[in-house]
Amino acid sequence: MSSPSVLPIVATWDGTPAAPGEHATVALSLTAEGLRVSVDAPHHHDPRPAAAPGPTWALWEHEVVELFVLGAEEAYTELELGPHGHHLLLRLAGRRIVVDRLLPVEATWTDAGERWRVEAILPHALLPPTPWRLNAYAIHGVGASRRYLAWTPVPGAEPDFHRLSCFREVPGLSTD
């Protein structure tokens, strides 16, 4: 297993520093099974999805932490994890072109009151070929108080997490 690479989510989507109470982290490490994703995020207690825990479409409309893993030719994997056991795993073949959706996720959630944590595995078969570029996001709030945070800013007129040109390489995260 590789030592973890940590993606601190400490700014809004456009790069404005976020309040410390909003900060989340996504730690990544390679294992024999795939990419281990460890999320640590504040619990904002937003309304939970109406669906039972498990694969949930439109999870991005709720409190969530997201990880995008981009490979060659704009192939990428998107993992969304919410604090209540909901998840969304997508594979895309080009910007916003979903080829697999609602895939199962092997994960364990922990609710620690004001923070929530999840450990998940993205199997190698669901990841694009290396080298990878990544971005991670945290979303919370309802209505006008909705907040969009990013590890790497995605500047523009509004938040768009599929701005693939804004993704970055993560030193130390390689299968080589």
N, C-alpha and C. Protein backbone atom coordinates (compact mmCIF):
# COMPACT_ATOMS: atom_id res chain seq x y z
N MET A 1 0.85 -1.17 0.00
CA MET A 1 0.00 0.00 0.00
C MET A 1 0.89 1.24 0.00
N SER A 2 0.52 2.23 -0.81
CA SER A 2 1.26 3.48 -0.83
C SER A 2 0.90 4.32 0.38
N SER A 3 1.79 5.26 0.76
CA SER A 3 1.44 6.15 1.86
C SER A 3 0.40 7.14 1.34
N PRO A 4 -0.51 7.58 2.22
CA PRO A 4 -1.63 8.40 1.76
C PRO A 4 -1.20 9.76 1.21
N SER A 5 -1.88 10.16 0.16
CA SER A 5 -1.80 11.53 -0.36
C SER A 5 -3.07 12.21 0.11
N VAL A 6 -2.95 13.40 0.68
CA VAL A 6 -4.10 14.09 1.25
C VAL A 6 -4.47 15.28 0.38
N LEU A 7 -5.75 15.36 0.03
CA LEU A 7 -6.29 16.49 -0.72
C LEU A 7 -7.12 17.33 0.25
N PRO A 8 -6.59 18.45 0.74
CA PRO A 8 -7.36 19.30 1.66
C PRO A 8 -8.35 20.16 0.88
N ILE A 9 -9.60 20.11 1.26
CA ILE A 9 -10.64 20.92 0.64
C ILE A 9 -10.90 22.09 1.58
N VAL A 10 -10.24 23.22 1.29
CA VAL A 10 -10.23 24.34 2.23
C VAL A 10 -10.62 25.67 1.58
N ALA A 11 -11.11 25.63 0.35
CA ALA A 11 -11.50 26.84 -0.35
C ALA A 11 -12.77 26.58 -1.15
N THR A 12 -13.46 27.65 -1.51
CA THR A 12 -14.64 27.49 -2.34
C THR A 12 -14.21 27.15 -3.76
N TRP A 13 -15.17 26.82 -4.59
CA TRP A 13 -14.92 26.38 -5.96
C TRP A 13 -14.08 27.38 -6.75
N ASP A 14 -14.18 28.68 -6.39
CA ASP A 14 -13.43 29.69 -7.13
C ASP A 14 -12.11 30.08 -6.46
N GLY A 15 -11.74 29.39 -5.38
CA GLY A 15 -10.47 29.62 -4.71
C GLY A 15 -10.53 30.52 -3.49
N THR A 16 -11.69 31.02 -3.13
CA THR A 16 -11.83 31.85 -1.94
C THR A 16 -11.69 30.97 -0.69
N PRO A 17 -10.84 31.37 0.28
CA PRO A 17 -10.69 30.53 1.48
C PRO A 17 -12.04 30.29 2.17
N ALA A 18 -12.25 29.06 2.61
CA ALA A 18 -13.48 28.68 3.31
C ALA A 18 -13.24 28.75 4.82
N ALA A 19 -14.32 28.86 5.56
CA ALA A 19 -14.23 28.87 7.02
C ALA A 19 -13.68 27.53 7.50
N PRO A 20 -12.85 27.53 8.56
CA PRO A 20 -12.28 26.27 9.06
C PRO A 20 -13.34 25.20 9.35
N GLY A 21 -14.53 25.58 9.77
CA GLY A 21 -15.58 24.62 10.07
C GLY A 21 -16.13 23.92 8.84
N GLU A 22 -15.73 24.36 7.64
CA GLU A 22 -16.17 23.73 6.40
C GLU A 22 -15.11 22.79 5.83
N HIS A 23 -13.89 22.85 6.33
CA HIS A 23 -12.78 22.08 5.74
C HIS A 23 -13.03 20.58 5.80
N ALA A 24 -12.71 19.92 4.70
CA ALA A 24 -12.80 18.46 4.59
C ALA A 24 -11.49 17.96 4.00
N THR A 25 -11.22 16.68 4.14
CA THR A 25 -10.05 16.09 3.50
C THR A 25 -10.44 14.79 2.82
N VAL A 26 -9.71 14.51 1.75
CA VAL A 26 -9.80 13.22 1.06
C VAL A 26 -8.38 12.67 1.03
N ALA A 27 -8.16 11.53 1.68
CA ALA A 27 -6.84 10.88 1.67
C ALA A 27 -6.92 9.69 0.72
N LEU A 28 -5.87 9.53 -0.07
CA LEU A 28 -5.84 8.49 -1.10
C LEU A 28 -4.59 7.64 -0.97
N SER A 29 -4.75 6.34 -1.15
CA SER A 29 -3.59 5.45 -1.20
C SER A 29 -3.93 4.26 -2.09
N LEU A 30 -2.91 3.77 -2.77
CA LEU A 30 -3.08 2.60 -3.63
C LEU A 30 -2.90 1.33 -2.82
N THR A 31 -3.80 0.37 -3.04
CA THR A 31 -3.71 -0.93 -2.40
C THR A 31 -3.79 -1.99 -3.49
N ALA A 32 -3.64 -3.24 -3.12
CA ALA A 32 -3.77 -4.33 -4.09
C ALA A 32 -5.18 -4.35 -4.69
N GLU A 33 -6.18 -3.91 -3.92
CA GLU A 33 -7.58 -3.93 -4.38
C GLU A 33 -7.92 -2.75 -5.27
N GLY A 34 -7.24 -1.63 -5.08
CA GLY A 34 -7.56 -0.43 -5.85
C GLY A 34 -7.13 0.82 -5.13
N LEU A 35 -7.90 1.88 -5.33
CA LEU A 35 -7.60 3.17 -4.70
C LEU A 35 -8.45 3.30 -3.44
N ARG A 36 -7.77 3.39 -2.29
CA ARG A 36 -8.47 3.59 -1.01
C ARG A 36 -8.73 5.08 -0.87
N VAL A 37 -9.99 5.41 -0.60
CA VAL A 37 -10.44 6.79 -0.45
C VAL A 37 -10.94 6.96 0.98
N SER A 38 -10.32 7.87 1.71
CA SER A 38 -10.72 8.14 3.09
C SER A 38 -11.19 9.59 3.18
N VAL A 39 -12.44 9.79 3.55
CA VAL A 39 -13.04 11.12 3.66
C VAL A 39 -13.20 11.46 5.13
N ASP A 40 -12.87 12.70 5.47
CA ASP A 40 -13.15 13.26 6.79
C ASP A 40 -13.79 14.63 6.54
N ALA A 41 -15.04 14.81 6.96
CA ALA A 41 -15.76 16.03 6.64
C ALA A 41 -16.64 16.47 7.80
N PRO A 42 -16.89 17.77 7.89
CA PRO A 42 -17.83 18.25 8.92
C PRO A 42 -19.24 17.82 8.57
N HIS A 43 -20.04 17.55 9.59
CA HIS A 43 -21.43 17.17 9.38
C HIS A 43 -22.27 18.44 9.49
N HIS A 44 -22.84 18.84 8.35
CA HIS A 44 -23.64 20.07 8.31
C HIS A 44 -25.12 19.80 8.60
N HIS A 45 -25.48 18.52 8.71
CA HIS A 45 -26.84 18.11 9.06
C HIS A 45 -27.87 18.61 8.05
N ASP A 46 -27.48 18.63 6.78
CA ASP A 46 -28.43 18.95 5.71
C ASP A 46 -29.45 17.82 5.61
N PRO A 47 -30.61 18.08 4.99
CA PRO A 47 -31.59 17.00 4.81
C PRO A 47 -30.97 15.84 4.04
N ARG A 48 -31.23 14.63 4.51
CA ARG A 48 -30.68 13.44 3.83
C ARG A 48 -31.53 13.10 2.62
N PRO A 49 -30.95 12.35 1.67
CA PRO A 49 -31.74 11.91 0.51
C PRO A 49 -32.92 11.06 0.96
N ALA A 50 -33.99 11.08 0.17
CA ALA A 50 -35.18 10.29 0.49
C ALA A 50 -34.93 8.79 0.31
N ALA A 51 -33.96 8.44 -0.54
CA ALA A 51 -33.65 7.03 -0.81
C ALA A 51 -32.96 6.38 0.38
N ALA A 52 -33.06 5.06 0.42
CA ALA A 52 -32.33 4.29 1.43
C ALA A 52 -30.83 4.40 1.16
N PRO A 53 -29.98 4.22 2.17
CA PRO A 53 -28.54 4.24 1.92
C PRO A 53 -28.16 3.25 0.82
N GLY A 54 -27.15 3.61 0.05
CA GLY A 54 -26.70 2.81 -1.08
C GLY A 54 -26.57 3.70 -2.29
N PRO A 55 -26.52 3.10 -3.49
CA PRO A 55 -26.39 3.91 -4.71
C PRO A 55 -27.56 4.89 -4.83
N THR A 56 -27.23 6.17 -5.03
CA THR A 56 -28.26 7.22 -5.04
C THR A 56 -27.98 8.21 -6.16
N TRP A 57 -28.88 8.28 -7.13
CA TRP A 57 -28.74 9.23 -8.22
C TRP A 57 -28.98 10.65 -7.68
N ALA A 58 -28.31 11.62 -8.28
CA ALA A 58 -28.42 13.05 -7.92
C ALA A 58 -27.95 13.31 -6.49
N LEU A 59 -27.01 12.53 -6.01
CA LEU A 59 -26.49 12.75 -4.67
C LEU A 59 -25.85 14.13 -4.54
N TRP A 60 -25.37 14.69 -5.64
CA TRP A 60 -24.75 16.02 -5.64
C TRP A 60 -25.73 17.10 -5.19
N GLU A 61 -27.00 16.80 -5.11
CA GLU A 61 -27.99 17.78 -4.64
C GLU A 61 -28.07 17.80 -3.11
N HIS A 62 -27.27 16.95 -2.45
CA HIS A 62 -27.29 16.84 -0.99
C HIS A 62 -25.89 17.12 -0.44
N GLU A 63 -25.74 17.01 0.86
CA GLU A 63 -24.42 17.13 1.49
C GLU A 63 -23.57 15.97 0.99
N VAL A 64 -22.37 16.27 0.47
CA VAL A 64 -21.59 15.24 -0.21
C VAL A 64 -20.13 15.66 -0.31
N VAL A 65 -19.25 14.67 -0.40
CA VAL A 65 -17.85 14.87 -0.78
C VAL A 65 -17.64 14.05 -2.04
N GLU A 66 -16.97 14.66 -3.03
CA GLU A 66 -16.79 14.02 -4.33
C GLU A 66 -15.31 13.92 -4.68
N LEU A 67 -14.96 12.85 -5.37
CA LEU A 67 -13.61 12.66 -5.90
C LEU A 67 -13.73 12.32 -7.38
N PHE A 68 -12.97 13.04 -8.21
CA PHE A 68 -12.90 12.76 -9.64
C PHE A 68 -11.49 12.30 -9.96
N VAL A 69 -11.36 11.17 -10.67
CA VAL A 69 -10.07 10.62 -11.07
C VAL A 69 -10.06 10.58 -12.60
N LEU A 70 -9.24 11.42 -13.21
CA LEU A 70 -9.19 11.58 -14.65
C LEU A 70 -7.97 10.88 -15.23
N GLY A 71 -8.19 10.11 -16.30
CA GLY A 71 -7.11 9.46 -17.02
C GLY A 71 -7.00 10.02 -18.43
N ALA A 72 -6.43 9.25 -19.34
CA ALA A 72 -6.24 9.69 -20.72
C ALA A 72 -7.57 9.81 -21.45
N GLU A 73 -7.58 10.63 -22.48
CA GLU A 73 -8.73 10.81 -23.38
C GLU A 73 -10.02 11.15 -22.64
N GLU A 74 -9.89 11.91 -21.58
CA GLU A 74 -11.03 12.39 -20.79
C GLU A 74 -11.88 11.26 -20.19
N ALA A 75 -11.30 10.09 -20.01
CA ALA A 75 -11.98 9.01 -19.27
C ALA A 75 -11.80 9.31 -17.78
N TYR A 76 -12.89 9.27 -17.03
CA TYR A 76 -12.75 9.51 -15.60
C TYR A 76 -13.80 8.79 -14.78
N THR A 77 -13.46 8.65 -13.50
CA THR A 77 -14.34 8.02 -12.52
C THR A 77 -14.73 9.10 -11.51
N GLU A 78 -16.00 9.13 -11.18
CA GLU A 78 -16.52 10.08 -10.20
C GLU A 78 -17.12 9.30 -9.04
N LEU A 79 -16.65 9.58 -7.84
CA LEU A 79 -17.17 8.96 -6.62
C LEU A 79 -17.75 10.04 -5.74
N GLU A 80 -19.00 9.88 -5.35
CA GLU A 80 -19.66 10.80 -4.42
C GLU A 80 -20.06 10.02 -3.18
N LEU A 81 -19.78 10.60 -2.02
CA LEU A 81 -20.09 9.96 -0.74
C LEU A 81 -20.82 10.96 0.16
N GLY A 82 -21.94 10.55 0.71
CA GLY A 82 -22.68 11.38 1.64
C GLY A 82 -22.54 10.86 3.06
N PRO A 83 -22.94 11.65 4.04
CA PRO A 83 -22.73 11.26 5.44
C PRO A 83 -23.65 10.15 5.96
N HIS A 84 -24.68 9.79 5.20
CA HIS A 84 -25.68 8.84 5.70
C HIS A 84 -25.62 7.47 5.03
N GLY A 85 -24.51 7.15 4.35
CA GLY A 85 -24.38 5.85 3.70
C GLY A 85 -24.81 5.85 2.24
N HIS A 86 -25.13 7.01 1.70
CA HIS A 86 -25.48 7.12 0.28
C HIS A 86 -24.20 7.33 -0.53
N HIS A 87 -24.20 6.82 -1.74
CA HIS A 87 -23.04 7.01 -2.62
C HIS A 87 -23.48 7.01 -4.06
N LEU A 88 -22.61 7.55 -4.90
CA LEU A 88 -22.82 7.53 -6.34
C LEU A 88 -21.47 7.29 -6.99
N LEU A 89 -21.38 6.25 -7.78
CA LEU A 89 -20.14 5.93 -8.49
C LEU A 89 -20.46 5.89 -9.98
N LEU A 90 -19.76 6.75 -10.72
CA LEU A 90 -19.96 6.88 -12.17
C LEU A 90 -18.64 6.68 -12.88
N ARG A 91 -18.72 6.14 -14.10
CA ARG A 91 -17.58 6.15 -15.01
C ARG A 91 -18.00 6.97 -16.21
N LEU A 92 -17.10 7.83 -16.66
CA LEU A 92 -17.39 8.72 -17.77
C LEU A 92 -16.35 8.57 -18.86
N ALA A 93 -16.78 8.74 -20.11
CA ALA A 93 -15.89 8.64 -21.28
C ALA A 93 -15.99 9.95 -22.05
N GLY A 94 -15.47 10.99 -21.47
CA GLY A 94 -15.58 12.33 -22.02
C GLY A 94 -16.36 13.19 -21.06
N ARG A 95 -16.20 14.49 -21.19
CA ARG A 95 -16.80 15.44 -20.25
C ARG A 95 -18.32 15.24 -20.17
N ARG A 96 -18.78 14.81 -19.00
CA ARG A 96 -20.18 14.59 -18.67
C ARG A 96 -20.85 13.46 -19.45
N ILE A 97 -20.06 12.59 -20.09
CA ILE A 97 -20.63 11.47 -20.85
C ILE A 97 -20.56 10.22 -19.97
N VAL A 98 -21.67 9.93 -19.28
CA VAL A 98 -21.73 8.81 -18.34
C VAL A 98 -21.89 7.50 -19.12
N VAL A 99 -20.99 6.54 -18.83
CA VAL A 99 -21.08 5.22 -19.47
C VAL A 99 -21.49 4.13 -18.47
N ASP A 100 -21.24 4.33 -17.18
CA ASP A 100 -21.69 3.42 -16.12
C ASP A 100 -22.15 4.27 -14.96
N ARG A 101 -23.30 3.92 -14.39
CA ARG A 101 -23.84 4.71 -13.27
C ARG A 101 -24.35 3.79 -12.17
N LEU A 102 -24.46 4.35 -10.99
CA LEU A 102 -25.00 3.64 -9.84
C LEU A 102 -24.28 2.33 -9.56
N LEU A 103 -22.96 2.35 -9.75
CA LEU A 103 -22.15 1.18 -9.46
C LEU A 103 -22.05 0.96 -7.95
N PRO A 104 -21.88 -0.27 -7.51
CA PRO A 104 -21.76 -0.51 -6.07
C PRO A 104 -20.42 0.01 -5.54
N VAL A 105 -20.41 0.37 -4.26
CA VAL A 105 -19.21 0.87 -3.60
C VAL A 105 -18.99 0.07 -2.33
N GLU A 106 -17.78 -0.42 -2.15
CA GLU A 106 -17.39 -1.07 -0.90
C GLU A 106 -16.91 0.03 0.04
N ALA A 107 -17.68 0.31 1.10
CA ALA A 107 -17.33 1.43 1.97
C ALA A 107 -17.86 1.21 3.37
N THR A 108 -17.24 1.91 4.32
CA THR A 108 -17.65 1.89 5.72
C THR A 108 -17.77 3.32 6.20
N TRP A 109 -18.94 3.67 6.75
CA TRP A 109 -19.20 5.02 7.24
C TRP A 109 -19.10 5.06 8.75
N THR A 110 -18.63 6.19 9.27
CA THR A 110 -18.58 6.45 10.70
C THR A 110 -19.12 7.86 10.94
N ASP A 111 -20.12 7.98 11.80
CA ASP A 111 -20.65 9.29 12.17
C ASP A 111 -20.10 9.63 13.54
N ALA A 112 -19.30 10.68 13.59
CA ALA A 112 -18.69 11.08 14.86
C ALA A 112 -19.33 12.37 15.36
N GLY A 113 -20.63 12.52 15.19
CA GLY A 113 -21.33 13.70 15.67
C GLY A 113 -21.17 14.88 14.74
N GLU A 114 -20.20 15.72 15.02
CA GLU A 114 -19.99 16.91 14.20
C GLU A 114 -19.14 16.65 12.97
N ARG A 115 -18.58 15.44 12.85
CA ARG A 115 -17.81 15.06 11.66
C ARG A 115 -18.26 13.68 11.22
N TRP A 116 -18.09 13.39 9.96
CA TRP A 116 -18.37 12.05 9.44
C TRP A 116 -17.18 11.61 8.63
N ARG A 117 -17.02 10.29 8.60
CA ARG A 117 -15.88 9.69 7.91
C ARG A 117 -16.36 8.50 7.09
N VAL A 118 -15.66 8.24 6.02
CA VAL A 118 -15.96 7.07 5.22
C VAL A 118 -14.66 6.56 4.62
N GLU A 119 -14.54 5.24 4.58
CA GLU A 119 -13.43 4.55 3.93
C GLU A 119 -14.03 3.75 2.79
N ALA A 120 -13.54 4.00 1.56
CA ALA A 120 -14.07 3.31 0.39
C ALA A 120 -12.92 2.80 -0.47
N ILE A 121 -13.22 1.79 -1.26
CA ILE A 121 -12.25 1.25 -2.21
C ILE A 121 -12.82 1.42 -3.62
N LEU A 122 -12.03 2.03 -4.50
CA LEU A 122 -12.35 2.08 -5.93
C LEU A 122 -11.51 0.99 -6.59
N PRO A 123 -12.12 -0.09 -7.04
CA PRO A 123 -11.34 -1.17 -7.66
C PRO A 123 -10.60 -0.68 -8.90
N HIS A 124 -9.43 -1.25 -9.14
CA HIS A 124 -8.61 -0.88 -10.30
C HIS A 124 -9.43 -0.92 -11.59
N ALA A 125 -10.33 -1.90 -11.73
CA ALA A 125 -11.11 -2.06 -12.96
C ALA A 125 -12.05 -0.88 -13.23
N LEU A 126 -12.37 -0.10 -12.20
CA LEU A 126 -13.26 1.04 -12.38
C LEU A 126 -12.53 2.36 -12.53
N LEU A 127 -11.21 2.30 -12.50
CA LEU A 127 -10.40 3.52 -12.62
C LEU A 127 -9.85 3.66 -14.03
N PRO A 128 -9.66 4.90 -14.48
CA PRO A 128 -9.05 5.09 -15.80
C PRO A 128 -7.57 4.74 -15.73
N PRO A 129 -6.94 4.52 -16.88
CA PRO A 129 -5.50 4.26 -16.87
C PRO A 129 -4.71 5.46 -16.34
N THR A 130 -3.59 5.17 -15.71
CA THR A 130 -2.70 6.24 -15.23
C THR A 130 -1.94 6.80 -16.44
N PRO A 131 -1.37 7.99 -16.33
CA PRO A 131 -1.31 8.84 -15.14
C PRO A 131 -2.65 9.53 -14.89
N TRP A 132 -2.89 9.82 -13.62
CA TRP A 132 -4.14 10.44 -13.22
C TRP A 132 -3.94 11.91 -12.90
N ARG A 133 -5.02 12.65 -13.10
CA ARG A 133 -5.19 13.99 -12.55
C ARG A 133 -6.50 13.96 -11.77
N LEU A 134 -6.55 14.67 -10.67
CA LEU A 134 -7.69 14.57 -9.77
C LEU A 134 -8.22 15.93 -9.34
N ASN A 135 -9.43 15.87 -8.81
CA ASN A 135 -9.97 16.98 -8.05
C ASN A 135 -10.95 16.40 -7.04
N ALA A 136 -11.17 17.14 -5.97
CA ALA A 136 -12.08 16.71 -4.91
C ALA A 136 -12.91 17.92 -4.48
N TYR A 137 -14.14 17.63 -4.06
CA TYR A 137 -15.08 18.69 -3.75
C TYR A 137 -15.88 18.32 -2.50
N ALA A 138 -16.42 19.35 -1.85
CA ALA A 138 -17.36 19.17 -0.75
C ALA A 138 -18.51 20.15 -0.99
N ILE A 139 -19.72 19.66 -0.85
CA ILE A 139 -20.91 20.47 -1.09
C ILE A 139 -21.82 20.35 0.13
N HIS A 140 -22.37 21.47 0.55
CA HIS A 140 -23.34 21.44 1.65
C HIS A 140 -24.21 22.69 1.60
N GLY A 141 -25.27 22.67 2.38
CA GLY A 141 -26.18 23.81 2.44
C GLY A 141 -27.41 23.58 1.59
N VAL A 142 -28.40 24.43 1.82
CA VAL A 142 -29.67 24.32 1.12
C VAL A 142 -30.03 25.69 0.56
N GLY A 143 -30.57 25.70 -0.65
CA GLY A 143 -31.05 26.95 -1.25
C GLY A 143 -29.95 27.98 -1.41
N ALA A 144 -30.22 29.21 -0.97
CA ALA A 144 -29.27 30.31 -1.13
C ALA A 144 -28.01 30.12 -0.29
N SER A 145 -28.06 29.24 0.71
CA SER A 145 -26.88 29.01 1.56
C SER A 145 -26.02 27.85 1.06
N ARG A 146 -26.31 27.34 -0.16
CA ARG A 146 -25.55 26.23 -0.73
C ARG A 146 -24.10 26.64 -0.90
N ARG A 147 -23.16 25.77 -0.50
CA ARG A 147 -21.72 26.05 -0.57
C ARG A 147 -21.04 24.96 -1.37
N TYR A 148 -20.11 25.37 -2.25
CA TYR A 148 -19.36 24.47 -3.12
C TYR A 148 -17.88 24.70 -2.86
N LEU A 149 -17.18 23.69 -2.35
CA LEU A 149 -15.75 23.80 -2.06
C LEU A 149 -14.97 22.87 -2.97
N ALA A 150 -13.70 23.21 -3.20
CA ALA A 150 -12.87 22.40 -4.11
C ALA A 150 -11.44 22.31 -3.59
N TRP A 151 -10.80 21.18 -3.87
CA TRP A 151 -9.37 21.04 -3.59
C TRP A 151 -8.59 21.96 -4.52
N THR A 152 -8.91 21.91 -5.80
CA THR A 152 -8.30 22.79 -6.80
C THR A 152 -9.41 23.64 -7.40
N PRO A 153 -9.26 24.96 -7.40
CA PRO A 153 -10.33 25.82 -7.91
C PRO A 153 -10.72 25.48 -9.35
N VAL A 154 -12.00 25.71 -9.64
CA VAL A 154 -12.54 25.52 -10.98
C VAL A 154 -13.21 26.84 -11.39
N PRO A 155 -12.37 27.88 -11.65
CA PRO A 155 -12.91 29.21 -11.88
C PRO A 155 -13.84 29.26 -13.09
N GLY A 156 -14.72 30.22 -13.03
CA GLY A 156 -15.71 30.44 -14.09
C GLY A 156 -16.86 31.22 -13.49
N ALA A 157 -17.92 31.35 -14.25
CA ALA A 157 -19.07 32.12 -13.80
C ALA A 157 -19.85 31.41 -12.69
N GLU A 158 -19.75 30.07 -12.64
CA GLU A 158 -20.45 29.28 -11.63
C GLU A 158 -19.68 27.99 -11.41
N PRO A 159 -19.95 27.29 -10.29
CA PRO A 159 -19.21 26.04 -10.04
C PRO A 159 -19.53 25.00 -11.11
N ASP A 160 -18.49 24.41 -11.66
CA ASP A 160 -18.63 23.33 -12.63
C ASP A 160 -17.50 22.34 -12.34
N PHE A 161 -17.83 21.25 -11.68
CA PHE A 161 -16.81 20.30 -11.25
C PHE A 161 -16.29 19.42 -12.37
N HIS A 162 -16.84 19.58 -13.55
CA HIS A 162 -16.36 18.82 -14.71
C HIS A 162 -15.42 19.65 -15.58
N ARG A 163 -14.81 20.68 -15.04
CA ARG A 163 -13.77 21.44 -15.75
C ARG A 163 -12.47 20.65 -15.63
N LEU A 164 -12.30 19.71 -16.52
CA LEU A 164 -11.21 18.74 -16.44
C LEU A 164 -9.84 19.39 -16.53
N SER A 165 -9.75 20.52 -17.18
CA SER A 165 -8.46 21.22 -17.31
C SER A 165 -7.96 21.73 -15.96
N CYS A 166 -8.82 21.80 -14.96
CA CYS A 166 -8.43 22.28 -13.63
C CYS A 166 -7.93 21.17 -12.71
N PHE A 167 -8.03 19.92 -13.15
CA PHE A 167 -7.58 18.81 -12.32
C PHE A 167 -6.05 18.82 -12.24
N ARG A 168 -5.50 18.26 -11.16
CA ARG A 168 -4.05 18.26 -10.95
C ARG A 168 -3.54 16.86 -10.66
N GLU A 169 -2.26 16.67 -11.00
CA GLU A 169 -1.58 15.43 -10.61
C GLU A 169 -1.37 15.45 -9.10
N VAL A 170 -1.31 14.27 -8.53
CA VAL A 170 -1.07 14.13 -7.09
C VAL A 170 0.26 13.41 -6.93
N PRO A 171 1.30 14.13 -6.48
CA PRO A 171 2.61 13.48 -6.29
C PRO A 171 2.50 12.29 -5.36
N GLY A 172 3.17 11.22 -5.72
CA GLY A 172 3.21 10.03 -4.87
C GLY A 172 2.05 9.08 -5.11
N LEU A 173 1.09 9.46 -5.96
CA LEU A 173 -0.05 8.59 -6.23
C LEU A 173 0.12 8.04 -7.63
N SER A 174 0.78 6.89 -7.70
CA SER A 174 1.10 6.31 -8.99
C SER A 174 1.20 4.80 -8.85
N THR A 175 0.88 4.11 -9.93
CA THR A 175 1.01 2.65 -9.91
C THR A 175 2.40 2.23 -10.37
N ASP A 176 3.25 3.18 -10.73
CA ASP A 176 4.61 2.86 -11.21
C ASP A 176 5.51 2.44 -10.07
